[in-house]
C-alpha atoms as a PDB file:
ATOM      1  CA  PHE A   1      11.644  -3.103   6.356  1.00  0.00           C
ATOM      2  CA  THR A   2       9.755  -5.280   8.731  1.00  0.00           C
ATOM      3  CA  GLY A   3       7.378  -4.786  11.606  1.00  0.00           C
ATOM      4  CA  GLY A   4       8.870  -8.066  12.781  1.00  0.00           C
ATOM      5  CA  VAL A   5      11.792  -6.115  14.229  1.00  0.00           C
ATOM      6  CA  VAL A   6       9.381  -4.709  16.788  1.00  0.00           C
ATOM      7  CA  ARG A   7       7.242  -7.850  16.977  1.00  0.00           C
ATOM      8  CA  PRO A   8       9.213 -10.843  15.614  1.00  0.00           C
ATOM      9  CA  THR A   9       7.277 -13.419  13.600  1.00  0.00           C
ATOM     10  CA  LYS A  10       8.057 -16.842  12.162  1.00  0.00           C
ATOM     11  CA  THR A  11       7.793 -15.418   8.629  1.00  0.00           C
ATOM     12  CA  ASN A  12      10.388 -12.624   9.008  1.00  0.00           C
ATOM     13  CA  TYR A  13      13.368 -14.568   7.734  1.00  0.00           C
ATOM     14  CA  GLN A  14      11.557 -15.992   4.705  1.00  0.00           C
ATOM     15  CA  LEU A  15      10.280 -12.538   3.756  1.00  0.00           C
ATOM     16  CA  TYR A  16      13.737 -11.035   4.197  1.00  0.00           C
ATOM     17  CA  ARG A  17      15.323 -13.624   1.896  1.00  0.00           C
ATOM     18  CA  GLY A  18      12.480 -13.725  -0.612  1.00  0.00           C
ATOM     19  CA  SER A  19      12.273  -9.937  -0.901  1.00  0.00           C
ATOM     20  CA  ALA A  20      15.707  -9.893  -2.515  1.00  0.00           C
ATOM     21  CA  ASP A  21      14.073 -11.607  -5.489  1.00  0.00           C
ATOM     22  CA  LEU A  22      11.836  -8.554  -6.001  1.00  0.00           C
ATOM     23  CA  ALA A  23      14.683  -6.038  -6.313  1.00  0.00           C
ATOM     24  CA  PHE A  24      15.341  -6.861  -9.975  1.00  0.00           C
ATOM     25  CA  VAL A  25      11.697  -6.005 -10.740  1.00  0.00           C
ATOM     26  CA  LEU A  26      11.065  -2.971  -8.514  1.00  0.00           C
ATOM     27  CA  LYS A  27      14.245  -1.054  -9.350  1.00  0.00           C
ATOM     28  CA  PRO A  28      13.846  -1.001 -13.171  1.00  0.00           C
ATOM     29  CA  LEU A  29      10.120  -0.268 -12.908  1.00  0.00           C
ATOM     30  CA  TYR A  30      10.842   2.700 -10.674  1.00  0.00           C
ATOM     31  CA  GLU A  31      13.756   3.948 -12.777  1.00  0.00           C
ATOM     32  CA  PHE A  32      11.715   3.777 -15.978  1.00  0.00           C
ATOM     33  CA  HIS A  33       8.881   5.782 -14.370  1.00  0.00           C
ATOM     34  CA  HIS A  34      10.890   7.830 -11.823  1.00  0.00           C
ATOM     35  CA  ARG A  35       9.465  11.097 -13.072  1.00  0.00           C
ATOM     36  CA  ASP A  36       5.922   9.923 -12.309  1.00  0.00           C
ATOM     37  CA  VAL A  37       6.317   7.487  -9.417  1.00  0.00           C
ATOM     38  CA  THR A  38       7.574   8.302  -5.905  1.00  0.00           C
ATOM     39  CA  LEU A  39       7.755   4.654  -4.802  1.00  0.00           C
ATOM     40  CA  ILE A  40       6.785   1.146  -5.783  1.00  0.00           C
ATOM     41  CA  GLY A  41       6.513  -1.728  -3.343  1.00  0.00           C
ATOM     42  CA  VAL A  42       4.956  -4.886  -1.954  1.00  0.00           C
ATOM     43  CA  TYR A  43       3.614  -4.765   1.627  1.00  0.00           C
ATOM     44  CA  PHE A  44       3.308  -8.149   3.331  1.00  0.00           C
ATOM     45  CA  ALA A  45       0.932  -9.225   6.093  1.00  0.00           C
ATOM     46  CA  ASN A  46       3.862 -10.972   7.862  1.00  0.00           C
ATOM     47  CA  SER A  47       1.683 -12.745  10.435  1.00  0.00           C
ATOM     48  CA  GLY A  48       0.079  -9.416  11.367  1.00  0.00           C
ATOM     49  CA  ALA A  49       3.328  -7.533  12.036  1.00  0.00           C
ATOM     50  CA  GLY A  50       3.612  -6.058   8.545  1.00  0.00           C
ATOM     51  CA  ALA A  51       6.727  -6.028   6.388  1.00  0.00           C
ATOM     52  CA  TRP A  52       7.578  -4.475   3.066  1.00  0.00           C
ATOM     53  CA  VAL A  53      10.038  -4.097   0.278  1.00  0.00           C
ATOM     54  CA  GLU A  54       9.960  -0.932  -1.774  1.00  0.00           C
ATOM     55  CA  PHE A  55      12.061   1.078  -4.161  1.00  0.00           C
ATOM     56  CA  PRO A  56      13.571   3.475  -3.619  1.00  0.00           C
ATOM     57  CA  SER A  57      14.437   2.364  -0.146  1.00  0.00           C
ATOM     58  CA  LYS A  58      14.166   5.070   2.449  1.00  0.00           C
ATOM     59  CA  LYS A  59      15.385   5.444   5.969  1.00  0.00           C
ATOM     60  CA  LEU A  60      12.465   6.133   8.259  1.00  0.00           C
ATOM     61  CA  GLY A  61      13.279   8.863  10.715  1.00  0.00           C
ATOM     62  CA  ALA A  62      12.072   9.263  14.247  1.00  0.00           C
ATOM     63  CA  ASN A  63       9.818  12.181  13.337  1.00  0.00           C
ATOM     64  CA  GLY A  64       6.272  11.964  12.127  1.00  0.00           C
ATOM     65  CA  THR A  65       3.431   9.596  12.858  1.00  0.00           C
ATOM     66  CA  TYR A  66       0.429   8.111  11.173  1.00  0.00           C
ATOM     67  CA  GLU A  67      -2.958   7.262  12.639  1.00  0.00           C
ATOM     68  CA  SER A  68      -3.661   3.534  12.719  1.00  0.00           C
ATOM     69  CA  ILE A  69      -6.992   2.264  11.416  1.00  0.00           C
ATOM     70  CA  GLY A  70      -6.437  -0.931  13.422  1.00  0.00           C
ATOM     71  CA  CYS A  71      -6.983  -4.392  11.976  1.00  0.00           C
ATOM     72  CA  ASP A  72     -10.579  -5.128  12.953  1.00  0.00           C
ATOM     73  CA  TRP A  73     -11.369  -4.983   9.238  1.00  0.00           C
ATOM     74  CA  ALA A  74      -9.358  -8.205   8.786  1.00  0.00           C
ATOM     75  CA  ASN A  75     -11.998 -10.137  10.748  1.00  0.00           C
ATOM     76  CA  ALA A  76     -14.094 -10.037   7.556  1.00  0.00           C
ATOM     77  CA  THR A  77     -14.501 -13.309   5.678  1.00  0.00           C
ATOM     78  CA  ASN A  78     -11.637 -13.996   3.281  1.00  0.00           C
ATOM     79  CA  PRO A  79     -13.073 -12.854  -0.079  1.00  0.00           C
ATOM     80  CA  VAL A  80     -11.183 -15.383  -2.236  1.00  0.00           C
ATOM     81  CA  SER A  81     -11.682 -18.499  -0.119  1.00  0.00           C
ATOM     82  CA  ASP A  82     -14.595 -20.921   0.009  1.00  0.00           C
ATOM     83  CA  THR A  83     -14.188 -21.215   3.775  1.00  0.00           C
ATOM     84  CA  LEU A  84     -15.656 -18.774   6.255  1.00  0.00           C
ATOM     85  CA  GLN A  85     -12.218 -17.981   7.699  1.00  0.00           C
ATOM     86  CA  PRO A  86     -11.302 -14.333   8.346  1.00  0.00           C
ATOM     87  CA  ILE A  87      -8.622 -12.554   6.325  1.00  0.00           C
ATOM     88  CA  LEU A  88      -6.284 -12.561   9.374  1.00  0.00           C
ATOM     89  CA  SER A  89      -6.463 -14.748  12.491  1.00  0.00           C
ATOM     90  CA  ASN A  90      -7.196 -13.294  15.932  1.00  0.00           C
ATOM     91  CA  GLU A  91      -3.500 -13.590  16.794  1.00  0.00           C
ATOM     92  CA  GLU A  92      -2.466 -11.757  13.626  1.00  0.00           C
ATOM     93  CA  ARG A  93      -5.001  -8.962  14.226  1.00  0.00           C
ATOM     94  CA  ARG A  94      -3.681  -8.497  17.774  1.00  0.00           C
ATOM     95  CA  GLY A  95      -0.312  -7.565  16.237  1.00  0.00           C
ATOM     96  CA  CYS A  96      -1.749  -4.296  14.939  1.00  0.00           C
ATOM     97  CA  HIS A  97      -1.939  -1.005  16.780  1.00  0.00           C
ATOM     98  CA  PRO A  98      -5.487  -0.130  17.911  1.00  0.00           C
ATOM     99  CA  ARG A  99      -7.604   2.191  15.789  1.00  0.00           C
ATOM    100  CA  GLY A 100      -6.749   5.833  16.468  1.00  0.00           C
ATOM    101  CA  ASP A 101      -3.245   5.218  17.858  1.00  0.00           C
ATOM    102  CA  LEU A 102      -0.543   7.551  16.554  1.00  0.00           C
ATOM    103  CA  VAL A 103       2.243   5.282  15.363  1.00  0.00           C
ATOM    104  CA  PRO A 104       5.916   6.261  14.844  1.00  0.00           C
ATOM    105  CA  PRO A 105       7.636   5.331  11.560  1.00  0.00           C
ATOM    106  CA  ARG A 106       9.704   2.564  13.178  1.00  0.00           C
ATOM    107  CA  GLU A 107       6.494   0.643  13.958  1.00  0.00           C
ATOM    108  CA  TYR A 108       4.874   1.149  10.542  1.00  0.00           C
ATOM    109  CA  ASN A 109       2.451  -1.617   9.643  1.00  0.00           C
ATOM    110  CA  PRO A 110       0.805  -1.431   6.193  1.00  0.00           C
ATOM    111  CA  LEU A 111      -2.139  -3.452   7.519  1.00  0.00           C
ATOM    112  CA  GLU A 112      -3.101  -0.356   9.537  1.00  0.00           C
ATOM    113  CA  ARG A 113      -3.502   1.850   6.471  1.00  0.00           C
ATOM    114  CA  GLY A 114      -6.704   2.439   4.530  1.00  0.00           C
ATOM    115  CA  TRP A 115      -5.196   1.731   1.116  1.00  0.00           C
ATOM    116  CA  CYS A 116      -4.136  -1.788   2.192  1.00  0.00           C
ATOM    117  CA  ARG A 117      -7.508  -2.478   3.851  1.00  0.00           C
ATOM    118  CA  THR A 118      -9.358  -1.486   0.657  1.00  0.00           C
ATOM    119  CA  GLN A 119      -7.183  -3.776  -1.458  1.00  0.00           C
ATOM    120  CA  ALA A 120      -7.463  -6.764   0.902  1.00  0.00           C
ATOM    121  CA  LEU A 121     -11.256  -6.499   1.191  1.00  0.00           C
ATOM    122  CA  ASN A 122     -11.731  -6.078  -2.577  1.00  0.00           C
ATOM    123  CA  PRO A 123      -9.063  -8.177  -4.344  1.00  0.00           C
ATOM    124  CA  GLU A 124     -10.960  -8.549  -7.602  1.00  0.00           C
ATOM    125  CA  ARG A 125      -9.734  -5.217  -8.978  1.00  0.00           C
ATOM    126  CA  SER A 126      -7.052  -2.534  -8.779  1.00  0.00           C
ATOM    127  CA  HIS A 127      -7.618   0.447  -6.492  1.00  0.00           C
ATOM    128  CA  ASN A 128      -6.578   4.041  -6.047  1.00  0.00           C
ATOM    129  CA  ASP A 129      -6.487   5.982  -2.802  1.00  0.00           C
ATOM    130  CA  GLY A 130      -5.971   9.656  -2.131  1.00  0.00           C
ATOM    131  CA  PRO A 131      -4.932  12.231  -2.727  1.00  0.00           C
ATOM    132  CA  TYR A 132      -3.364  12.407   0.715  1.00  0.00           C
ATOM    133  CA  LEU A 133      -0.269  13.904   2.310  1.00  0.00           C
ATOM    134  CA  ASP A 134       2.620  11.425   2.272  1.00  0.00           C
ATOM    135  CA  SER A 135       3.444  10.895   5.962  1.00  0.00           C
ATOM    136  CA  PHE A 136       7.095   9.940   5.636  1.00  0.00           C
ATOM    137  CA  SER A 137       8.487  12.015   2.759  1.00  0.00           C
ATOM    138  CA  ASP A 138       8.413  15.512   1.367  1.00  0.00           C
ATOM    139  CA  TYR A 139       6.634  14.592  -1.875  1.00  0.00           C
ATOM    140  CA  GLY A 140       3.491  16.379  -0.687  1.00  0.00           C
ATOM    141  CA  MET A 141       0.188  15.069  -1.983  1.00  0.00           C
ATOM    142  CA  VAL A 142       0.266  11.613  -3.539  1.00  0.00           C
ATOM    143  CA  MET A 143      -2.156   9.043  -4.885  1.00  0.00           C
ATOM    144  CA  THR A 144      -1.690   5.332  -4.297  1.00  0.00           C
ATOM    145  CA  PHE A 145      -2.522   2.692  -6.884  1.00  0.00           C
ATOM    146  CA  GLY A 146      -2.404  -1.038  -6.154  1.00  0.00           C
ATOM    147  CA  ARG A 147      -4.024  -4.418  -5.747  1.00  0.00           C
ATOM    148  CA  ALA A 148      -4.186  -7.144  -3.087  1.00  0.00           C
ATOM    149  CA  ILE A 149      -2.125 -10.305  -3.427  1.00  0.00           C
ATOM    150  CA  TYR A 150      -3.713 -13.583  -2.294  1.00  0.00           C
ATOM    151  CA  ASP A 151      -1.969 -16.955  -2.574  1.00  0.00           C
ATOM    152  CA  ARG A 152      -3.585 -18.766  -5.523  1.00  0.00           C
ATOM    153  CA  ILE A 153      -3.287 -22.163  -3.855  1.00  0.00           C
ATOM    154  CA  THR A 154      -3.910 -21.558  -0.138  1.00  0.00           C
ATOM    155  CA  LYS A 155      -6.153 -18.495  -0.711  1.00  0.00           C
ATOM    156  CA  GLU A 156      -4.397 -16.739   2.198  1.00  0.00           C
ATOM    157  CA  PHE A 157      -3.888 -12.984   2.146  1.00  0.00           C
ATOM    158  CA  VAL A 158      -0.205 -12.344   1.394  1.00  0.00           C
ATOM    159  CA  ALA A 159       0.288  -8.649   0.686  1.00  0.00           C
ATOM    160  CA  CYS A 160      -0.820  -5.384  -0.845  1.00  0.00           C
ATOM    161  CA  SER A 161       0.991  -3.741  -3.728  1.00  0.00           C
ATOM    162  CA  ARG A 162       1.524  -0.025  -3.993  1.00  0.00           C
ATOM    163  CA  VAL A 163       2.652   2.557  -6.500  1.00  0.00           C
ATOM    164  CA  ASP A 164       2.587   6.180  -5.333  1.00  0.00           C
ATOM    165  CA  VAL A 165       2.309   9.002  -7.846  1.00  0.00           C
ATOM    166  CA  LYS A 166       2.707  12.703  -7.055  1.00  0.00           C
ATOM    167  CA  VAL A 167      -0.546  14.598  -7.553  1.00  0.00           C
ATOM    168  CA  ALA A 168       1.475  17.427  -9.114  1.00  0.00           C
ATOM    169  CA  ARG A 169       2.691  14.968 -11.775  1.00  0.00           C
ATOM    170  CA  LEU A 170      -0.869  13.740 -12.430  1.00  0.00           C
ATOM    171  CA  THR A 171      -1.884  17.372 -12.926  1.00  0.00           C
ATOM    172  CA  GLU A 172       0.912  17.817 -15.502  1.00  0.00           C
ATOM    173  CA  ILE A 173      -0.228  14.692 -17.361  1.00  0.00           C
ATOM    174  CA  ILE A 174      -3.871  15.810 -17.349  1.00  0.00           C
ATOM    175  CA  ASN A 175      -2.942  19.285 -18.583  1.00  0.00           C
ATOM    176  CA  GLY A 176      -0.894  17.681 -21.384  1.00  0.00           C
ATOM    177  CA  VAL A 177      -3.912  15.632 -22.441  1.00  0.00           C
ATOM    178  CA  LYS A 178      -6.069  18.757 -22.374  1.00  0.00           C
ATOM    179  CA  LYS A 179      -3.634  20.603 -24.685  1.00  0.00           C
ATOM    180  CA  ASN A 180      -3.929  17.761 -27.190  1.00  0.00           C
ATOM    181  CA  LEU A 181      -7.735  17.827 -27.060  1.00  0.00           C
ATOM    182  CA  GLY A 182      -8.114  21.561 -27.616  1.00  0.00           C
ATOM    183  CA  ASN A 183      -9.498  24.522 -25.684  1.00  0.00           C
ATOM    184  CA  SER A 184     -13.123  23.433 -25.861  1.00  0.00           C
ATOM    185  CA  SER A 185     -12.441  20.211 -23.907  1.00  0.00           C
ATOM    186  CA  LYS A 186     -12.512  19.628 -20.158  1.00  0.00           C
ATOM    187  CA  VAL A 187     -10.333  16.984 -18.493  1.00  0.00           C
ATOM    188  CA  ALA A 188     -10.676  15.659 -14.938  1.00  0.00           C
ATOM    189  CA  LEU A 189      -9.294  12.855 -12.813  1.00  0.00           C
ATOM    190  CA  VAL A 190     -12.209  10.737 -11.571  1.00  0.00           C
ATOM    191  CA  ARG A 191     -12.264   7.723  -9.230  1.00  0.00           C
ATOM    192  CA  TRP A 192     -14.065   4.504 -10.173  1.00  0.00           C
ATOM    193  CA  ASP A 193     -16.926   5.506  -7.847  1.00  0.00           C
ATOM    194  CA  GLY A 194     -17.412   8.804  -9.706  1.00  0.00           C
ATOM    195  CA  THR A 195     -15.648  11.073  -7.195  1.00  0.00           C
ATOM    196  CA  VAL A 196     -13.828  13.916  -8.939  1.00  0.00           C
ATOM    197  CA  ILE A 197     -10.293  14.263  -7.611  1.00  0.00           C
END
């Protein structure tokens, strides 16, 4: 999928061709963990237009929307570079929908989602986001796990990675752990910041 269909960019073709190289990785990872994972993917900046490759592939319908967070966050200084350049250029940021816009699935841009913003601003570690209602599927509540991808040579922001897990499945896993620990134990899912999920 590519936001470049709506707003063509000079990187569309390279991403389209290069994404085929990811299929041999994403498909077996998903199939091995299909009971736990609803999707696995890489979500590219694509010159501000957004683009992604994920498995399983899904056809985005005309129904549903998401609320854009905009791309003002990408004016922050690139956290992996020694320069004072922003994460995205002014031109790239202009490719995003403004904060608060309701965006149809056809115009989906991962740069406008909170999980991608968190990863891009804090690339030194992996992140989790949610639980939240999956906007474009019927999986219900999901949690997203992932990490930002910056080019090791140019230090440019390339993409965010994402693995979505059903909250119902996390609950099953936690309850299984609790059974193994015994009745006197308590088990909870807690974020890195201490928030109990």
